[in-house]
Amino acid sequence: MKIPDGYTVSGLKNFNINFDNEAGQFSSDAKEENGHVVLSCKKVYKKNYLPAKDWGLLVGMLDAAYNFTQKQLLQPSVLMTK
């Protein structure tokens, strides 16, 4: 993604995630290169069936993926007032 004029990248390290357990994996990597943000994501379901007692293992991976989607990366360089 090209960084728009007037914006800066903030909190890039918050996008570097590695969650892994026996039910699934979610990982992401973020870096800035030549005026662009490069994001790489991977979501893996390791089993096609989990007993109810292990459901929390899958929820942990799904929560990691959801939390990734709630992060903000760009912010205006200068706050504008009316």
C-alpha atoms as a PDB file:
ATOM      1  CA  MET A   1       0.000   0.000   0.000  1.00  0.00           C
ATOM      2  CA  LYS A   2       1.405   3.395  -0.963  1.00  0.00           C
ATOM      3  CA  ILE A   3       1.618   5.816   1.930  1.00  0.00           C
ATOM      4  CA  PRO A   4      -0.550   8.808   0.937  1.00  0.00           C
ATOM      5  CA  ASP A   5       0.906  12.298   0.938  1.00  0.00           C
ATOM      6  CA  GLY A   6       0.360  13.975   4.287  1.00  0.00           C
ATOM      7  CA  TYR A   7       0.339  10.708   6.255  1.00  0.00           C
ATOM      8  CA  THR A   8       2.935   8.899   8.313  1.00  0.00           C
ATOM      9  CA  VAL A   9       3.169   5.279   9.395  1.00  0.00           C
ATOM     10  CA  SER A  10       2.646   4.688  13.104  1.00  0.00           C
ATOM     11  CA  GLY A  11       2.820   1.479  15.139  1.00  0.00           C
ATOM     12  CA  LEU A  12       4.262  -0.722  12.400  1.00  0.00           C
ATOM     13  CA  LYS A  13       5.674  -3.154  14.969  1.00  0.00           C
ATOM     14  CA  ASN A  14       2.125  -3.776  16.264  1.00  0.00           C
ATOM     15  CA  PHE A  15       1.439  -5.593  12.994  1.00  0.00           C
ATOM     16  CA  ASN A  16       4.170  -8.179  13.593  1.00  0.00           C
ATOM     17  CA  ILE A  17       2.191 -11.049  15.127  1.00  0.00           C
ATOM     18  CA  ASN A  18       2.942 -14.719  15.570  1.00  0.00           C
ATOM     19  CA  PHE A  19       0.235 -16.832  17.214  1.00  0.00           C
ATOM     20  CA  ASP A  20       0.599 -20.591  16.939  1.00  0.00           C
ATOM     21  CA  ASN A  21      -1.012 -23.497  18.762  1.00  0.00           C
ATOM     22  CA  GLU A  22      -2.199 -27.012  17.921  1.00  0.00           C
ATOM     23  CA  ALA A  23      -5.491 -25.762  16.416  1.00  0.00           C
ATOM     24  CA  GLY A  24      -4.222 -22.989  14.170  1.00  0.00           C
ATOM     25  CA  GLN A  25      -1.748 -20.302  13.331  1.00  0.00           C
ATOM     26  CA  PHE A  26      -2.005 -16.610  12.538  1.00  0.00           C
ATOM     27  CA  SER A  27       1.049 -14.596  11.637  1.00  0.00           C
ATOM     28  CA  SER A  28       1.625 -11.218  10.075  1.00  0.00           C
ATOM     29  CA  ASP A  29       4.629  -9.140   9.163  1.00  0.00           C
ATOM     30  CA  ALA A  30       4.719  -5.447   8.327  1.00  0.00           C
ATOM     31  CA  LYS A  31       7.488  -3.301   6.918  1.00  0.00           C
ATOM     32  CA  GLU A  32       7.962   0.013   5.172  1.00  0.00           C
ATOM     33  CA  GLU A  33       9.767   0.013   1.828  1.00  0.00           C
ATOM     34  CA  ASN A  34      10.205   2.907  -0.596  1.00  0.00           C
ATOM     35  CA  GLY A  35       7.146   4.857   0.534  1.00  0.00           C
ATOM     36  CA  HIS A  36       4.955   1.751   0.731  1.00  0.00           C
ATOM     37  CA  VAL A  37       3.728  -0.440   3.585  1.00  0.00           C
ATOM     38  CA  VAL A  38       4.051  -4.137   2.841  1.00  0.00           C
ATOM     39  CA  LEU A  39       1.810  -6.467   4.897  1.00  0.00           C
ATOM     40  CA  SER A  40       2.030 -10.248   4.777  1.00  0.00           C
ATOM     41  CA  CYS A  41      -0.554 -12.384   6.585  1.00  0.00           C
ATOM     42  CA  LYS A  42      -1.021 -16.106   7.036  1.00  0.00           C
ATOM     43  CA  LYS A  43      -3.954 -17.932   8.678  1.00  0.00           C
ATOM     44  CA  VAL A  44      -3.764 -21.720   9.000  1.00  0.00           C
ATOM     45  CA  TYR A  45      -6.373 -24.125  10.346  1.00  0.00           C
ATOM     46  CA  LYS A  46      -4.411 -27.170  11.482  1.00  0.00           C
ATOM     47  CA  LYS A  47      -7.388 -29.447  12.156  1.00  0.00           C
ATOM     48  CA  ASN A  48     -10.733 -29.910  10.472  1.00  0.00           C
ATOM     49  CA  TYR A  49     -12.323 -31.088  13.730  1.00  0.00           C
ATOM     50  CA  LEU A  50     -11.842 -30.060  17.343  1.00  0.00           C
ATOM     51  CA  PRO A  51     -13.651 -31.519  20.329  1.00  0.00           C
ATOM     52  CA  ALA A  52     -15.670 -28.970  22.309  1.00  0.00           C
ATOM     53  CA  LYS A  53     -13.081 -29.022  25.117  1.00  0.00           C
ATOM     54  CA  ASP A  54     -10.457 -27.673  22.678  1.00  0.00           C
ATOM     55  CA  TRP A  55     -12.614 -24.912  21.149  1.00  0.00           C
ATOM     56  CA  GLY A  56     -10.657 -22.261  23.072  1.00  0.00           C
ATOM     57  CA  LEU A  57      -7.548 -23.158  21.082  1.00  0.00           C
ATOM     58  CA  LEU A  58      -9.243 -22.156  17.837  1.00  0.00           C
ATOM     59  CA  VAL A  59     -10.790 -19.050  19.395  1.00  0.00           C
ATOM     60  CA  GLY A  60      -7.296 -17.896  20.389  1.00  0.00           C
ATOM     61  CA  MET A  61      -6.160 -17.975  16.771  1.00  0.00           C
ATOM     62  CA  LEU A  62      -9.352 -16.304  15.536  1.00  0.00           C
ATOM     63  CA  ASP A  63      -8.980 -13.559  18.148  1.00  0.00           C
ATOM     64  CA  ALA A  64      -5.403 -12.894  17.018  1.00  0.00           C
ATOM     65  CA  ALA A  65      -6.621 -12.533  13.420  1.00  0.00           C
ATOM     66  CA  TYR A  66      -9.533 -10.284  14.424  1.00  0.00           C
ATOM     67  CA  ASN A  67      -7.321  -8.049  16.587  1.00  0.00           C
ATOM     68  CA  PHE A  68      -5.033  -7.600  13.587  1.00  0.00           C
ATOM     69  CA  THR A  69      -7.943  -6.143  11.601  1.00  0.00           C
ATOM     70  CA  GLN A  70      -8.659  -3.569  14.310  1.00  0.00           C
ATOM     71  CA  LYS A  71      -5.231  -1.904  14.274  1.00  0.00           C
ATOM     72  CA  GLN A  72      -4.542   1.440  12.619  1.00  0.00           C
ATOM     73  CA  LEU A  73      -1.447   2.114  10.621  1.00  0.00           C
ATOM     74  CA  LEU A  74      -1.681   5.586   9.065  1.00  0.00           C
ATOM     75  CA  GLN A  75      -2.155   8.914  10.742  1.00  0.00           C
ATOM     76  CA  PRO A  76      -2.166  12.456   9.361  1.00  0.00           C
ATOM     77  CA  SER A  77       1.266  14.091   9.536  1.00  0.00           C
ATOM     78  CA  VAL A  78      -0.200  17.411  10.617  1.00  0.00           C
ATOM     79  CA  LEU A  79      -3.511  17.848  12.385  1.00  0.00           C
ATOM     80  CA  MET A  80      -5.687  20.334  10.513  1.00  0.00           C
ATOM     81  CA  THR A  81      -8.123  22.647  12.308  1.00  0.00           C
ATOM     82  CA  LYS A  82     -11.023  24.615  10.927  1.00  0.00           C
END
